[in-house]
Amino acid sequence: MPAHEQALALAHQWIQKAESDLRAAVLGDWKAKEAMYKKHFPGSLITTIESTNLSKTAEKLVVSYFAELTPPSEPSPGRRARRQGK
């Protein structure tokens, strides 16, 4: 195998290892935070899962959990116009 192909293969292996290590570190941090919330604030941690409709899912969660804490808000003028078909 030519030297440049060997270098590319090694770089690819290094990138895969770095991505794996980063995923493990992030997941480890998340698990520690989740455990802290469960211990000190049971029932108060709300999570979402990445998806194409994450904003709508998060909005539904916020409304269902915190509606009594937040005043009703008016949609932005752009959203109001879209809703009214303008």
C-alpha atoms as a PDB file:
ATOM      1  CA  MET A   1       0.000   0.000   0.000  1.00  0.00           C
ATOM      2  CA  PRO A   2       1.410   3.418  -0.935  1.00  0.00           C
ATOM      3  CA  ALA A   3       2.445   5.715   1.892  1.00  0.00           C
ATOM      4  CA  HIS A   4      -0.319   8.239   1.267  1.00  0.00           C
ATOM      5  CA  GLU A   5      -2.976   5.493   1.465  1.00  0.00           C
ATOM      6  CA  GLN A   6      -1.449   4.246   4.718  1.00  0.00           C
ATOM      7  CA  ALA A   7      -1.542   7.772   6.104  1.00  0.00           C
ATOM      8  CA  LEU A   8      -5.193   8.156   5.097  1.00  0.00           C
ATOM      9  CA  ALA A   9      -6.089   4.814   6.683  1.00  0.00           C
ATOM     10  CA  LEU A  10      -4.341   5.800   9.927  1.00  0.00           C
ATOM     11  CA  ALA A  11      -6.054   9.197   9.918  1.00  0.00           C
ATOM     12  CA  HIS A  12      -9.429   7.511   9.399  1.00  0.00           C
ATOM     13  CA  GLN A  13      -8.769   5.143  12.322  1.00  0.00           C
ATOM     14  CA  TRP A  14      -7.725   8.077  14.517  1.00  0.00           C
ATOM     15  CA  ILE A  15     -10.893  10.028  13.646  1.00  0.00           C
ATOM     16  CA  GLN A  16     -13.100   7.016  14.418  1.00  0.00           C
ATOM     17  CA  LYS A  17     -11.383   6.562  17.796  1.00  0.00           C
ATOM     18  CA  ALA A  18     -11.701  10.268  18.615  1.00  0.00           C
ATOM     19  CA  GLU A  19     -15.427  10.241  17.717  1.00  0.00           C
ATOM     20  CA  SER A  20     -15.946   7.161  19.885  1.00  0.00           C
ATOM     21  CA  ASP A  21     -14.108   8.735  22.837  1.00  0.00           C
ATOM     22  CA  LEU A  22     -16.098  11.952  22.470  1.00  0.00           C
ATOM     23  CA  ARG A  23     -19.414  10.049  22.389  1.00  0.00           C
ATOM     24  CA  ALA A  24     -18.416   8.141  25.539  1.00  0.00           C
ATOM     25  CA  ALA A  25     -17.414  11.350  27.342  1.00  0.00           C
ATOM     26  CA  VAL A  26     -20.644  13.141  26.433  1.00  0.00           C
ATOM     27  CA  LEU A  27     -22.767  10.147  27.392  1.00  0.00           C
ATOM     28  CA  GLY A  28     -20.855   9.800  30.664  1.00  0.00           C
ATOM     29  CA  ASP A  29     -21.441  13.476  31.475  1.00  0.00           C
ATOM     30  CA  TRP A  30     -25.122  13.080  30.634  1.00  0.00           C
ATOM     31  CA  LYS A  31     -25.501  10.009  32.841  1.00  0.00           C
ATOM     32  CA  ALA A  32     -23.899  11.884  35.768  1.00  0.00           C
ATOM     33  CA  LYS A  33     -26.241  14.862  35.274  1.00  0.00           C
ATOM     34  CA  GLU A  34     -29.264  12.576  34.969  1.00  0.00           C
ATOM     35  CA  ALA A  35     -28.339  10.791  38.221  1.00  0.00           C
ATOM     36  CA  MET A  36     -27.912  14.151  39.995  1.00  0.00           C
ATOM     37  CA  TYR A  37     -31.348  15.330  38.857  1.00  0.00           C
ATOM     38  CA  LYS A  38     -32.983  12.062  39.905  1.00  0.00           C
ATOM     39  CA  LYS A  39     -31.374  12.322  43.350  1.00  0.00           C
ATOM     40  CA  HIS A  40     -31.892  16.020  44.092  1.00  0.00           C
ATOM     41  CA  PHE A  41     -34.910  16.926  41.932  1.00  0.00           C
ATOM     42  CA  PRO A  42     -36.940  13.740  41.451  1.00  0.00           C
ATOM     43  CA  GLY A  43     -39.526  13.963  38.698  1.00  0.00           C
ATOM     44  CA  SER A  44     -38.360  17.359  37.442  1.00  0.00           C
ATOM     45  CA  LEU A  45     -36.048  16.395  34.574  1.00  0.00           C
ATOM     46  CA  ILE A  46     -37.735  16.474  31.183  1.00  0.00           C
ATOM     47  CA  THR A  47     -35.882  15.059  28.199  1.00  0.00           C
ATOM     48  CA  THR A  48     -36.500  14.924  24.478  1.00  0.00           C
ATOM     49  CA  ILE A  49     -35.114  12.736  21.733  1.00  0.00           C
ATOM     50  CA  GLU A  50     -33.597  14.171  18.563  1.00  0.00           C
ATOM     51  CA  SER A  51     -36.131  14.081  15.742  1.00  0.00           C
ATOM     52  CA  THR A  52     -37.430  16.087  12.821  1.00  0.00           C
ATOM     53  CA  ASN A  53     -40.182  17.545  15.009  1.00  0.00           C
ATOM     54  CA  LEU A  54     -38.125  18.231  18.147  1.00  0.00           C
ATOM     55  CA  SER A  55     -39.398  21.818  18.526  1.00  0.00           C
ATOM     56  CA  LYS A  56     -43.038  20.738  18.505  1.00  0.00           C
ATOM     57  CA  THR A  57     -42.326  17.864  20.912  1.00  0.00           C
ATOM     58  CA  ALA A  58     -40.455  20.179  23.290  1.00  0.00           C
ATOM     59  CA  GLU A  59     -43.229  22.769  23.112  1.00  0.00           C
ATOM     60  CA  LYS A  60     -45.844  20.139  24.010  1.00  0.00           C
ATOM     61  CA  LEU A  61     -43.732  18.991  26.958  1.00  0.00           C
ATOM     62  CA  VAL A  62     -43.232  22.525  28.239  1.00  0.00           C
ATOM     63  CA  VAL A  63     -46.935  23.314  27.966  1.00  0.00           C
ATOM     64  CA  SER A  64     -47.991  20.050  29.615  1.00  0.00           C
ATOM     65  CA  TYR A  65     -45.561  20.444  32.531  1.00  0.00           C
ATOM     66  CA  PHE A  66     -45.362  24.198  32.990  1.00  0.00           C
ATOM     67  CA  ALA A  67     -48.556  25.749  31.565  1.00  0.00           C
ATOM     68  CA  GLU A  68     -49.613  26.994  34.995  1.00  0.00           C
ATOM     69  CA  LEU A  69     -46.257  28.757  35.452  1.00  0.00           C
ATOM     70  CA  THR A  70     -46.102  30.672  32.191  1.00  0.00           C
ATOM     71  CA  PRO A  71     -48.449  33.363  30.923  1.00  0.00           C
ATOM     72  CA  PRO A  72     -50.041  32.755  27.529  1.00  0.00           C
ATOM     73  CA  SER A  73     -48.029  34.334  24.747  1.00  0.00           C
ATOM     74  CA  GLU A  74     -49.039  35.719  21.419  1.00  0.00           C
ATOM     75  CA  PRO A  75     -47.440  34.170  18.338  1.00  0.00           C
ATOM     76  CA  SER A  76     -44.986  36.352  16.471  1.00  0.00           C
ATOM     77  CA  PRO A  77     -46.505  38.537  13.716  1.00  0.00           C
ATOM     78  CA  GLY A  78     -45.088  36.193  11.051  1.00  0.00           C
ATOM     79  CA  ARG A  79     -46.670  33.100  12.601  1.00  0.00           C
ATOM     80  CA  ARG A  80     -49.937  34.956  13.153  1.00  0.00           C
ATOM     81  CA  ALA A  81     -50.020  35.918   9.465  1.00  0.00           C
ATOM     82  CA  ARG A  82     -49.281  32.338   8.348  1.00  0.00           C
ATOM     83  CA  ARG A  83     -52.045  31.016  10.580  1.00  0.00           C
ATOM     84  CA  GLN A  84     -54.458  33.527   9.099  1.00  0.00           C
ATOM     85  CA  GLY A  85     -53.399  32.595   5.563  1.00  0.00           C
ATOM     86  CA  LYS A  86     -51.673  35.875   4.717  1.00  0.00           C
END
